[in-house]
Amino acid sequence: MDIVVDTSALIAVIVAEPERDRIVELTASHDLIGPGSIPWEVGNAFSAMLKQSRLALDEVQRGLEIFRSIPLRYVQADLSNSLAIANKTKMYAYDAYFLDCASRHGAPLLSLDRSLNRAAQKLGVALLEV
């Protein structure tokens, strides 16, 4: 089964947040997919952690190695559909890309982002509960 995994779930695994084990359990033996924007979002999350002094640069570099080891298949988001979703849900396009991927691929979404999960429910996108 394909699972659309968002950046919040990926970061939780990479930096060993409390949800890590549950995310790994939910995704084991499944194919992880997501929009091609994920690497840029991971970079942005790491830059925020550097700015907040949550992580040092060497920890970010190790985190990037972990990120690169995650078997993730990037799928093309439909920009037109994503913008329609963004308009309907009042979310940014970056969030709508995940909803577009999940709805078009018939895959559940795995996210720690509450607003993204609420939007998914509004659209009838299946969720994996962490």
N, C-alpha and C. Protein backbone atom coordinates (compact mmCIF):
# COMPACT_ATOMS: atom_id res chain seq x y z
N MET A 1 0.84 -1.17 0.00
CA MET A 1 0.00 0.00 0.00
C MET A 1 0.89 1.24 0.00
N ASP A 2 0.48 2.24 -0.78
CA ASP A 2 1.15 3.54 -0.77
C ASP A 2 0.66 4.34 0.42
N ILE A 3 1.57 5.07 1.05
CA ILE A 3 1.24 5.99 2.13
C ILE A 3 1.89 7.32 1.79
N VAL A 4 1.09 8.40 1.80
CA VAL A 4 1.64 9.74 1.62
C VAL A 4 2.12 10.21 2.98
N VAL A 5 3.41 10.46 3.07
CA VAL A 5 4.02 10.89 4.33
C VAL A 5 4.44 12.35 4.18
N ASP A 6 4.08 13.16 5.16
CA ASP A 6 4.43 14.57 5.05
C ASP A 6 5.71 14.87 5.81
N THR A 7 6.16 16.09 5.69
CA THR A 7 7.43 16.50 6.26
C THR A 7 7.45 16.38 7.78
N SER A 8 6.32 16.68 8.43
CA SER A 8 6.29 16.60 9.89
C SER A 8 6.57 15.18 10.37
N ALA A 9 6.03 14.20 9.69
CA ALA A 9 6.27 12.80 10.07
C ALA A 9 7.71 12.40 9.77
N LEU A 10 8.23 12.84 8.65
CA LEU A 10 9.62 12.52 8.31
C LEU A 10 10.58 13.12 9.33
N ILE A 11 10.38 14.37 9.68
CA ILE A 11 11.25 15.03 10.66
C ILE A 11 11.15 14.33 12.01
N ALA A 12 9.94 13.90 12.39
CA ALA A 12 9.77 13.19 13.67
C ALA A 12 10.61 11.93 13.71
N VAL A 13 10.68 11.23 12.59
CA VAL A 13 11.50 10.02 12.53
C VAL A 13 12.98 10.39 12.56
N ILE A 14 13.36 11.37 11.78
CA ILE A 14 14.77 11.74 11.66
C ILE A 14 15.37 12.23 12.98
N VAL A 15 14.63 13.04 13.71
CA VAL A 15 15.18 13.61 14.95
C VAL A 15 14.69 12.86 16.20
N ALA A 16 14.11 11.70 15.98
CA ALA A 16 13.70 10.81 17.08
C ALA A 16 12.73 11.47 18.06
N GLU A 17 11.69 12.09 17.52
CA GLU A 17 10.64 12.64 18.37
C GLU A 17 9.81 11.48 18.93
N PRO A 18 9.00 11.73 19.95
CA PRO A 18 8.26 10.64 20.61
C PRO A 18 7.39 9.80 19.67
N GLU A 19 6.92 10.36 18.58
CA GLU A 19 6.06 9.64 17.63
C GLU A 19 6.83 8.71 16.70
N ARG A 20 8.14 8.77 16.76
CA ARG A 20 9.00 8.03 15.82
C ARG A 20 8.63 6.55 15.70
N ASP A 21 8.59 5.84 16.81
CA ASP A 21 8.36 4.39 16.75
C ASP A 21 7.00 4.07 16.13
N ARG A 22 5.98 4.85 16.46
CA ARG A 22 4.65 4.61 15.90
C ARG A 22 4.65 4.86 14.39
N ILE A 23 5.34 5.89 13.94
CA ILE A 23 5.41 6.18 12.51
C ILE A 23 6.12 5.05 11.78
N VAL A 24 7.22 4.58 12.33
CA VAL A 24 7.95 3.47 11.71
C VAL A 24 7.06 2.23 11.66
N GLU A 25 6.35 1.96 12.73
CA GLU A 25 5.44 0.81 12.78
C GLU A 25 4.35 0.91 11.71
N LEU A 26 3.75 2.09 11.57
CA LEU A 26 2.67 2.28 10.60
C LEU A 26 3.14 2.16 9.15
N THR A 27 4.39 2.53 8.90
CA THR A 27 4.88 2.57 7.52
C THR A 27 5.68 1.33 7.10
N ALA A 28 6.00 0.48 8.05
CA ALA A 28 6.79 -0.72 7.72
C ALA A 28 6.10 -1.53 6.64
N SER A 29 6.84 -1.97 5.68
CA SER A 29 6.36 -2.81 4.57
C SER A 29 5.40 -2.09 3.63
N HIS A 30 5.37 -0.78 3.68
CA HIS A 30 4.53 -0.01 2.76
C HIS A 30 5.42 0.91 1.93
N ASP A 31 4.87 1.39 0.84
CA ASP A 31 5.60 2.31 -0.02
C ASP A 31 5.27 3.74 0.37
N LEU A 32 6.30 4.53 0.65
CA LEU A 32 6.11 5.92 1.02
C LEU A 32 6.19 6.80 -0.21
N ILE A 33 5.20 7.66 -0.37
CA ILE A 33 5.19 8.58 -1.50
C ILE A 33 4.92 9.99 -1.00
N GLY A 34 5.26 10.96 -1.82
CA GLY A 34 4.98 12.35 -1.48
C GLY A 34 5.38 13.25 -2.63
N PRO A 35 4.97 14.51 -2.56
CA PRO A 35 5.29 15.45 -3.63
C PRO A 35 6.78 15.78 -3.66
N GLY A 36 7.24 16.20 -4.81
CA GLY A 36 8.64 16.52 -5.00
C GLY A 36 9.14 17.69 -4.18
N SER A 37 8.25 18.38 -3.49
CA SER A 37 8.64 19.51 -2.64
C SER A 37 9.24 19.07 -1.31
N ILE A 38 9.17 17.79 -1.00
CA ILE A 38 9.61 17.32 0.32
C ILE A 38 11.07 17.69 0.64
N PRO A 39 12.03 17.48 -0.24
CA PRO A 39 13.41 17.84 0.14
C PRO A 39 13.55 19.32 0.53
N TRP A 40 12.84 20.20 -0.16
CA TRP A 40 12.92 21.63 0.16
C TRP A 40 12.29 21.89 1.53
N GLU A 41 11.21 21.19 1.83
CA GLU A 41 10.56 21.36 3.13
C GLU A 41 11.44 20.81 4.26
N VAL A 42 12.10 19.69 4.01
CA VAL A 42 13.02 19.14 5.01
C VAL A 42 14.16 20.13 5.25
N GLY A 43 14.70 20.69 4.18
CA GLY A 43 15.74 21.70 4.33
C GLY A 43 15.26 22.90 5.13
N ASN A 44 14.04 23.33 4.87
CA ASN A 44 13.48 24.46 5.60
C ASN A 44 13.31 24.12 7.09
N ALA A 45 12.84 22.91 7.38
CA ALA A 45 12.67 22.48 8.78
C ALA A 45 14.02 22.45 9.49
N PHE A 46 15.04 21.92 8.81
CA PHE A 46 16.36 21.89 9.43
C PHE A 46 16.92 23.30 9.62
N SER A 47 16.69 24.18 8.68
CA SER A 47 17.20 25.55 8.85
C SER A 47 16.51 26.23 10.02
N ALA A 48 15.22 25.95 10.23
CA ALA A 48 14.52 26.51 11.39
C ALA A 48 15.11 25.96 12.69
N MET A 49 15.43 24.66 12.71
CA MET A 49 16.02 24.06 13.90
C MET A 49 17.41 24.64 14.19
N LEU A 50 18.18 24.93 13.13
CA LEU A 50 19.48 25.59 13.31
C LEU A 50 19.29 26.99 13.88
N LYS A 51 18.34 27.74 13.30
CA LYS A 51 18.08 29.10 13.74
C LYS A 51 17.65 29.15 15.20
N GLN A 52 16.87 28.16 15.63
CA GLN A 52 16.38 28.09 17.01
C GLN A 52 17.38 27.41 17.95
N SER A 53 18.52 27.02 17.42
CA SER A 53 19.55 26.30 18.19
C SER A 53 19.04 24.99 18.77
N ARG A 54 18.07 24.37 18.09
CA ARG A 54 17.58 23.04 18.50
C ARG A 54 18.55 21.96 18.07
N LEU A 55 19.22 22.19 16.95
CA LEU A 55 20.21 21.25 16.43
C LEU A 55 21.45 22.02 16.01
N ALA A 56 22.59 21.34 16.09
CA ALA A 56 23.85 21.88 15.58
C ALA A 56 24.02 21.42 14.13
N LEU A 57 24.90 22.07 13.40
CA LEU A 57 25.08 21.76 11.99
C LEU A 57 25.47 20.29 11.78
N ASP A 58 26.32 19.73 12.64
CA ASP A 58 26.70 18.33 12.47
C ASP A 58 25.49 17.41 12.67
N GLU A 59 24.57 17.78 13.56
CA GLU A 59 23.36 16.98 13.76
C GLU A 59 22.44 17.08 12.54
N VAL A 60 22.38 18.26 11.94
CA VAL A 60 21.60 18.43 10.72
C VAL A 60 22.19 17.58 9.60
N GLN A 61 23.50 17.56 9.49
CA GLN A 61 24.14 16.75 8.45
C GLN A 61 23.81 15.27 8.64
N ARG A 62 23.82 14.79 9.89
CA ARG A 62 23.43 13.40 10.16
C ARG A 62 21.95 13.19 9.82
N GLY A 63 21.13 14.19 10.13
CA GLY A 63 19.71 14.12 9.80
C GLY A 63 19.48 14.01 8.31
N LEU A 64 20.27 14.73 7.54
CA LEU A 64 20.16 14.65 6.08
C LEU A 64 20.54 13.26 5.56
N GLU A 65 21.55 12.65 6.19
CA GLU A 65 21.91 11.29 5.81
C GLU A 65 20.75 10.33 6.09
N ILE A 66 20.12 10.49 7.24
CA ILE A 66 18.96 9.66 7.56
C ILE A 66 17.85 9.90 6.54
N PHE A 67 17.57 11.17 6.25
CA PHE A 67 16.53 11.51 5.27
C PHE A 67 16.80 10.83 3.93
N ARG A 68 18.04 10.90 3.47
CA ARG A 68 18.38 10.30 2.17
C ARG A 68 18.22 8.78 2.18
N SER A 69 18.26 8.17 3.37
CA SER A 69 18.14 6.70 3.45
C SER A 69 16.68 6.23 3.49
N ILE A 70 15.75 7.14 3.65
CA ILE A 70 14.33 6.77 3.71
C ILE A 70 13.84 6.49 2.30
N PRO A 71 13.29 5.30 2.07
CA PRO A 71 12.81 4.97 0.72
C PRO A 71 11.51 5.71 0.42
N LEU A 72 11.64 6.82 -0.27
CA LEU A 72 10.52 7.70 -0.55
C LEU A 72 10.44 7.94 -2.06
N ARG A 73 9.26 7.68 -2.62
CA ARG A 73 9.05 7.90 -4.05
C ARG A 73 8.32 9.22 -4.23
N TYR A 74 8.94 10.09 -5.00
CA TYR A 74 8.33 11.39 -5.27
C TYR A 74 7.36 11.28 -6.42
N VAL A 75 6.19 11.87 -6.23
CA VAL A 75 5.17 11.88 -7.26
C VAL A 75 4.86 13.33 -7.63
N GLN A 76 4.51 13.51 -8.87
CA GLN A 76 4.21 14.85 -9.37
C GLN A 76 2.85 15.30 -8.83
N ALA A 77 2.85 16.43 -8.16
CA ALA A 77 1.58 17.01 -7.72
C ALA A 77 0.92 17.69 -8.91
N ASP A 78 -0.38 17.65 -8.95
CA ASP A 78 -1.14 18.35 -9.97
C ASP A 78 -1.33 19.78 -9.47
N LEU A 79 -0.63 20.72 -10.07
CA LEU A 79 -0.62 22.09 -9.58
C LEU A 79 -2.01 22.72 -9.60
N SER A 80 -2.75 22.49 -10.66
CA SER A 80 -4.10 23.06 -10.75
C SER A 80 -4.99 22.52 -9.64
N ASN A 81 -4.97 21.20 -9.46
CA ASN A 81 -5.78 20.58 -8.41
C ASN A 81 -5.29 21.02 -7.02
N SER A 82 -3.98 21.12 -6.85
CA SER A 82 -3.42 21.55 -5.57
C SER A 82 -3.87 22.95 -5.21
N LEU A 83 -3.91 23.84 -6.19
CA LEU A 83 -4.35 25.21 -5.92
C LEU A 83 -5.85 25.27 -5.63
N ALA A 84 -6.61 24.40 -6.27
CA ALA A 84 -8.04 24.32 -5.95
C ALA A 84 -8.22 23.83 -4.52
N ILE A 85 -7.42 22.85 -4.12
CA ILE A 85 -7.47 22.34 -2.74
C ILE A 85 -7.03 23.44 -1.77
N ALA A 86 -5.97 24.15 -2.10
CA ALA A 86 -5.48 25.24 -1.24
C ALA A 86 -6.57 26.29 -1.05
N ASN A 87 -7.28 26.62 -2.11
CA ASN A 87 -8.35 27.59 -2.03
C ASN A 87 -9.50 27.07 -1.16
N LYS A 88 -9.87 25.83 -1.37
CA LYS A 88 -10.99 25.24 -0.62
C LYS A 88 -10.68 25.12 0.87
N THR A 89 -9.44 24.76 1.19
CA THR A 89 -9.07 24.50 2.59
C THR A 89 -8.42 25.71 3.26
N LYS A 90 -8.15 26.77 2.49
CA LYS A 90 -7.47 27.97 3.00
C LYS A 90 -6.08 27.63 3.53
N MET A 91 -5.39 26.72 2.83
CA MET A 91 -4.04 26.31 3.20
C MET A 91 -3.07 26.76 2.11
N TYR A 92 -1.79 26.72 2.45
CA TYR A 92 -0.77 27.01 1.46
C TYR A 92 -0.65 25.85 0.48
N ALA A 93 -0.14 26.16 -0.70
CA ALA A 93 0.02 25.14 -1.73
C ALA A 93 0.90 23.99 -1.26
N TYR A 94 1.95 24.30 -0.46
CA TYR A 94 2.84 23.23 0.01
C TYR A 94 2.07 22.16 0.77
N ASP A 95 1.09 22.55 1.56
CA ASP A 95 0.26 21.58 2.26
C ASP A 95 -0.70 20.89 1.30
N ALA A 96 -1.23 21.65 0.37
CA ALA A 96 -2.19 21.09 -0.59
C ALA A 96 -1.54 20.03 -1.49
N TYR A 97 -0.24 20.14 -1.73
CA TYR A 97 0.43 19.12 -2.55
C TYR A 97 0.28 17.73 -1.93
N PHE A 98 0.37 17.65 -0.61
CA PHE A 98 0.21 16.36 0.07
C PHE A 98 -1.22 15.85 -0.06
N LEU A 99 -2.18 16.74 0.06
CA LEU A 99 -3.58 16.35 -0.07
C LEU A 99 -3.89 15.92 -1.50
N ASP A 100 -3.34 16.62 -2.46
CA ASP A 100 -3.50 16.24 -3.86
C ASP A 100 -2.93 14.85 -4.11
N CYS A 101 -1.73 14.60 -3.64
CA CYS A 101 -1.10 13.29 -3.84
C CYS A 101 -1.93 12.19 -3.21
N ALA A 102 -2.39 12.41 -1.99
CA ALA A 102 -3.17 11.39 -1.29
C ALA A 102 -4.48 11.12 -2.02
N SER A 103 -5.17 12.17 -2.43
CA SER A 103 -6.46 11.96 -3.09
C SER A 103 -6.30 11.33 -4.47
N ARG A 104 -5.34 11.77 -5.25
CA ARG A 104 -5.17 11.23 -6.60
C ARG A 104 -4.61 9.80 -6.61
N HIS A 105 -3.84 9.45 -5.59
CA HIS A 105 -3.25 8.11 -5.53
C HIS A 105 -4.05 7.16 -4.64
N GLY A 106 -5.15 7.63 -4.08
CA GLY A 106 -5.97 6.79 -3.21
C GLY A 106 -5.19 6.25 -2.03
N ALA A 107 -4.30 7.09 -1.51
CA ALA A 107 -3.42 6.67 -0.42
C ALA A 107 -3.74 7.45 0.85
N PRO A 108 -3.61 6.81 2.00
CA PRO A 108 -3.82 7.55 3.24
C PRO A 108 -2.66 8.51 3.49
N LEU A 109 -2.96 9.54 4.25
CA LEU A 109 -1.98 10.55 4.63
C LEU A 109 -1.49 10.29 6.04
N LEU A 110 -0.19 10.40 6.23
CA LEU A 110 0.42 10.29 7.56
C LEU A 110 1.08 11.62 7.86
N SER A 111 0.51 12.35 8.82
CA SER A 111 1.00 13.67 9.16
C SER A 111 0.81 13.93 10.66
N LEU A 112 1.69 14.74 11.21
CA LEU A 112 1.55 15.19 12.59
C LEU A 112 0.95 16.60 12.65
N ASP A 113 0.68 17.17 11.49
CA ASP A 113 0.15 18.52 11.36
C ASP A 113 -1.37 18.49 11.52
N ARG A 114 -1.85 19.02 12.62
CA ARG A 114 -3.30 18.95 12.92
C ARG A 114 -4.14 19.66 11.87
N SER A 115 -3.71 20.82 11.42
CA SER A 115 -4.51 21.54 10.43
C SER A 115 -4.54 20.79 9.10
N LEU A 116 -3.43 20.17 8.74
CA LEU A 116 -3.41 19.37 7.52
C LEU A 116 -4.33 18.15 7.67
N ASN A 117 -4.32 17.53 8.83
CA ASN A 117 -5.20 16.39 9.07
C ASN A 117 -6.68 16.80 9.03
N ARG A 118 -7.00 17.97 9.58
CA ARG A 118 -8.39 18.45 9.52
C ARG A 118 -8.82 18.70 8.08
N ALA A 119 -7.93 19.29 7.30
CA ALA A 119 -8.23 19.53 5.89
C ALA A 119 -8.42 18.21 5.14
N ALA A 120 -7.59 17.23 5.46
CA ALA A 120 -7.72 15.91 4.83
C ALA A 120 -9.09 15.31 5.13
N GLN A 121 -9.51 15.40 6.38
CA GLN A 121 -10.83 14.87 6.75
C GLN A 121 -11.93 15.59 6.00
N LYS A 122 -11.81 16.90 5.86
CA LYS A 122 -12.80 17.70 5.14
C LYS A 122 -12.91 17.25 3.69
N LEU A 123 -11.79 16.83 3.12
CA LEU A 123 -11.76 16.39 1.72
C LEU A 123 -12.04 14.90 1.56
N GLY A 124 -12.18 14.19 2.64
CA GLY A 124 -12.42 12.74 2.56
C GLY A 124 -11.17 11.93 2.30
N VAL A 125 -10.01 12.49 2.60
CA VAL A 125 -8.74 11.78 2.45
C VAL A 125 -8.53 10.93 3.71
N ALA A 126 -8.22 9.67 3.53
CA ALA A 126 -7.98 8.78 4.66
C ALA A 126 -6.72 9.21 5.42
N LEU A 127 -6.75 9.03 6.74
CA LEU A 127 -5.62 9.37 7.59
C LEU A 127 -5.12 8.15 8.33
N LEU A 128 -3.82 8.11 8.57
CA LEU A 128 -3.24 7.13 9.47
C LEU A 128 -3.01 7.84 10.79
N GLU A 129 -3.58 7.33 11.85
CA GLU A 129 -3.48 7.96 13.16
C GLU A 129 -2.18 7.57 13.84
N VAL A 130 -1.46 8.57 14.33
CA VAL A 130 -0.22 8.33 15.05
C VAL A 130 -0.50 8.33 16.53
